[in-house]
Amino acid sequence: MQEVSLTVDRQDLEPSRDRVPRLAGFGQRLAARLKEVLQSGITPEKLALTVALGIALGLMPVLWGTSLFCALLAGVCGLNQGAIQAVNYLCYPLQIALFIPFCRLGESLFPWGPKVSAAVLGHALHGHLGSTISLICWASLRGVGAWLVTAPPLLLALYPLLKRFFLKKSGRRGALPLS
């Protein structure tokens, strides 16, 4: 039988920076990215509009197309594509959480068509989509209607707050320098 000798250095026991995710500095990295975006030549006003629209579109109760809507709106309005998509993706958990409340609000605002119960949604989850697809479409349509009613006030409230925040962070009133 052969004898095996194991030696372990102290350095092997200490975690390497390359192997351990750096979660502790997340806030600092986020602030550095914000500063980078603020110094990229975009005005604080445009950045505020980009973020406000990204939040509003990110909350739309349509699970299939908010990225497309953000891309189209950013292209038409000349907004930062990366920033609006990042905000849209950050809003995804809220979009999922608010899907049913938007549908319920839509049922209250627009009472026509069939109501969608939890049993119908459970039926759909068990693979019986053929009979429930029209009901889910009605719920989504009502949810979008409720979103169309609530999104403009959200934008009107968010834009001035974000504009003030980004102006304060940039320390300037006009376009930021390219550097």
Protein backbone atom coordinates (compact mmCIF):
# COMPACT_ATOMS: atom_id res chain seq x y z
CA MET A 1 0.00 0.00 0.00
CA GLN A 2 1.29 3.41 -0.98
CA GLU A 3 1.29 6.31 1.46
CA VAL A 4 -0.11 9.62 0.25
CA SER A 5 0.97 12.91 1.75
CA LEU A 6 -1.24 15.96 1.51
CA THR A 7 0.08 19.42 2.14
CA VAL A 8 -2.18 22.43 2.23
CA ASP A 9 -0.94 25.98 2.10
CA ARG A 10 -2.74 28.70 4.00
CA GLN A 11 -3.34 30.51 0.69
CA ASP A 12 -5.32 27.51 -0.61
CA LEU A 13 -7.78 27.89 2.25
CA GLU A 14 -8.39 31.61 1.70
CA PRO A 15 -11.01 32.48 -0.90
CA SER A 16 -9.66 34.06 -4.04
CA ARG A 17 -11.18 37.26 -5.38
CA ASP A 18 -11.59 35.55 -8.73
CA ARG A 19 -13.66 32.70 -7.31
CA VAL A 20 -15.93 34.58 -4.87
CA PRO A 21 -18.71 36.76 -6.30
CA ARG A 22 -18.38 40.37 -5.27
CA LEU A 23 -21.79 41.14 -3.83
CA ALA A 24 -20.50 43.49 -1.16
CA GLY A 25 -19.63 46.26 -3.62
CA PHE A 26 -22.84 46.07 -5.65
CA GLY A 27 -24.02 49.53 -4.59
CA GLN A 28 -20.65 51.05 -5.39
CA ARG A 29 -20.56 49.38 -8.81
CA LEU A 30 -24.11 50.56 -9.50
CA ALA A 31 -23.15 54.13 -8.55
CA ALA A 32 -20.07 53.92 -10.79
CA ARG A 33 -22.25 52.73 -13.71
CA LEU A 34 -24.70 55.57 -13.09
CA LYS A 35 -21.84 58.06 -13.13
CA GLU A 36 -20.56 56.47 -16.35
CA VAL A 37 -23.98 56.87 -18.01
CA LEU A 38 -24.28 60.44 -16.73
CA GLN A 39 -20.91 61.29 -18.24
CA SER A 40 -21.60 59.65 -21.61
CA GLY A 41 -23.12 62.77 -23.19
CA ILE A 42 -26.77 62.06 -22.40
CA THR A 43 -28.66 64.87 -20.72
CA PRO A 44 -30.16 64.26 -17.29
CA GLU A 45 -33.57 65.08 -18.77
CA LYS A 46 -33.27 62.36 -21.44
CA LEU A 47 -31.96 59.89 -18.88
CA ALA A 48 -34.90 60.66 -16.58
CA LEU A 49 -37.33 60.16 -19.47
CA THR A 50 -35.59 56.90 -20.41
CA VAL A 51 -35.81 55.51 -16.89
CA ALA A 52 -39.41 56.68 -16.34
CA LEU A 53 -40.57 55.14 -19.64
CA GLY A 54 -38.60 51.96 -18.89
CA ILE A 55 -40.38 51.61 -15.56
CA ALA A 56 -43.81 52.33 -17.04
CA LEU A 57 -43.34 49.92 -19.94
CA GLY A 58 -41.70 47.35 -17.67
CA LEU A 59 -44.88 47.18 -15.60
CA MET A 60 -47.16 46.56 -18.59
CA PRO A 61 -49.13 43.36 -17.96
CA VAL A 62 -48.03 41.75 -21.22
CA LEU A 63 -45.53 38.99 -20.57
CA TRP A 64 -44.34 38.68 -24.14
CA GLY A 65 -43.43 42.06 -25.53
CA THR A 66 -42.23 44.76 -23.16
CA SER A 67 -38.67 44.51 -24.51
CA LEU A 68 -39.98 45.07 -28.03
CA PHE A 69 -42.09 48.04 -26.92
CA CYS A 70 -39.08 49.54 -25.10
CA ALA A 71 -36.86 49.11 -28.17
CA LEU A 72 -39.45 50.70 -30.45
CA LEU A 73 -40.11 53.63 -28.12
CA ALA A 74 -36.39 54.25 -27.53
CA GLY A 75 -35.75 54.18 -31.28
CA VAL A 76 -38.58 56.59 -32.05
CA CYS A 77 -37.75 59.00 -29.21
CA GLY A 78 -33.96 58.77 -29.51
CA LEU A 79 -33.50 57.37 -26.00
CA ASN A 80 -30.69 55.21 -24.65
CA GLN A 81 -31.50 51.60 -25.68
CA GLY A 82 -29.29 49.99 -23.03
CA ALA A 83 -30.70 52.06 -20.19
CA ILE A 84 -34.36 51.53 -21.11
CA GLN A 85 -33.86 47.77 -21.52
CA ALA A 86 -31.96 47.52 -18.22
CA VAL A 87 -34.77 49.31 -16.37
CA ASN A 88 -37.32 47.13 -18.16
CA TYR A 89 -35.53 43.97 -16.99
CA LEU A 90 -35.22 45.29 -13.44
CA CYS A 91 -39.01 45.80 -13.39
CA TYR A 92 -39.73 42.21 -14.43
CA PRO A 93 -40.41 40.93 -10.88
CA LEU A 94 -42.85 43.81 -10.35
CA GLN A 95 -44.49 43.06 -13.68
CA ILE A 96 -45.14 39.47 -12.61
CA ALA A 97 -46.36 40.58 -9.16
CA LEU A 98 -48.73 43.19 -10.63
CA PHE A 99 -50.14 41.05 -13.45
CA ILE A 100 -53.17 39.78 -11.49
CA PRO A 101 -53.86 43.14 -9.77
CA PHE A 102 -53.87 44.87 -13.18
CA CYS A 103 -56.26 42.20 -14.50
CA ARG A 104 -58.56 42.65 -11.48
CA LEU A 105 -58.47 46.44 -11.85
CA GLY A 106 -59.25 45.99 -15.53
CA GLU A 107 -62.26 43.84 -14.63
CA SER A 108 -63.52 46.67 -12.42
CA LEU A 109 -62.91 49.37 -15.02
CA PHE A 110 -64.09 47.37 -18.04
CA PRO A 111 -66.86 44.99 -16.89
CA TRP A 112 -67.64 43.45 -20.29
CA GLY A 113 -66.55 39.95 -21.26
CA PRO A 114 -66.09 36.89 -19.06
CA LYS A 115 -64.32 37.05 -15.71
CA VAL A 116 -61.21 34.95 -15.17
CA SER A 117 -61.20 33.03 -11.90
CA ALA A 118 -58.34 31.30 -10.12
CA ALA A 119 -59.90 27.98 -11.15
CA VAL A 120 -59.62 28.96 -14.82
CA LEU A 121 -55.96 29.88 -14.38
CA GLY A 122 -55.36 26.57 -12.56
CA HIS A 123 -57.08 24.74 -15.40
CA ALA A 124 -54.74 26.46 -17.86
CA LEU A 125 -51.70 25.48 -15.80
CA HIS A 126 -52.69 21.84 -16.06
CA GLY A 127 -52.43 21.94 -19.84
CA HIS A 128 -55.99 22.75 -20.83
CA LEU A 129 -55.11 25.93 -22.71
CA GLY A 130 -57.48 25.39 -25.61
CA SER A 131 -60.58 26.11 -23.59
CA THR A 132 -59.07 28.94 -21.53
CA ILE A 133 -56.98 30.86 -24.06
CA SER A 134 -59.81 33.27 -24.85
CA LEU A 135 -60.38 33.94 -21.13
CA ILE A 136 -56.68 34.65 -20.59
CA CYS A 137 -56.75 37.00 -23.59
CA TRP A 138 -59.71 38.85 -22.04
CA ALA A 139 -57.84 39.15 -18.74
CA SER A 140 -54.70 40.43 -20.48
CA LEU A 141 -56.71 42.92 -22.51
CA ARG A 142 -58.36 44.27 -19.39
CA GLY A 143 -54.97 44.38 -17.64
CA VAL A 144 -53.52 46.46 -20.47
CA GLY A 145 -56.55 48.74 -20.24
CA ALA A 146 -55.90 49.23 -16.53
CA TRP A 147 -52.22 49.82 -17.27
CA LEU A 148 -53.17 52.48 -19.86
CA VAL A 149 -55.16 54.25 -17.14
CA THR A 150 -52.41 54.03 -14.49
CA ALA A 151 -49.22 54.48 -16.56
CA PRO A 152 -49.63 58.19 -17.47
CA PRO A 153 -49.99 59.33 -13.83
CA LEU A 154 -47.00 57.15 -12.95
CA LEU A 155 -44.94 58.83 -15.68
CA LEU A 156 -46.09 62.28 -14.60
CA ALA A 157 -44.99 61.53 -11.03
CA LEU A 158 -41.71 59.76 -11.85
CA TYR A 159 -40.25 62.06 -14.51
CA PRO A 160 -39.81 65.20 -12.35
CA LEU A 161 -38.41 63.15 -9.45
CA LEU A 162 -35.92 61.35 -11.67
CA LYS A 163 -35.01 64.56 -13.49
CA ARG A 164 -34.22 66.28 -10.19
CA PHE A 165 -32.21 63.24 -9.03
CA PHE A 166 -30.13 63.02 -12.23
CA LEU A 167 -29.57 66.79 -12.34
CA LYS A 168 -28.32 66.70 -8.76
CA LYS A 169 -26.05 63.71 -9.50
CA SER A 170 -24.60 65.35 -12.61
CA GLY A 171 -24.11 68.74 -10.95
CA ARG A 172 -25.03 70.44 -14.23
CA ARG A 173 -28.09 71.80 -15.95
CA GLY A 174 -27.34 71.02 -19.62
CA ALA A 175 -25.71 68.29 -21.68
CA LEU A 176 -22.96 66.41 -19.97
CA PRO A 177 -19.46 66.30 -21.48
CA LEU A 178 -18.15 63.35 -23.46
CA SER A 179 -15.17 61.96 -21.55
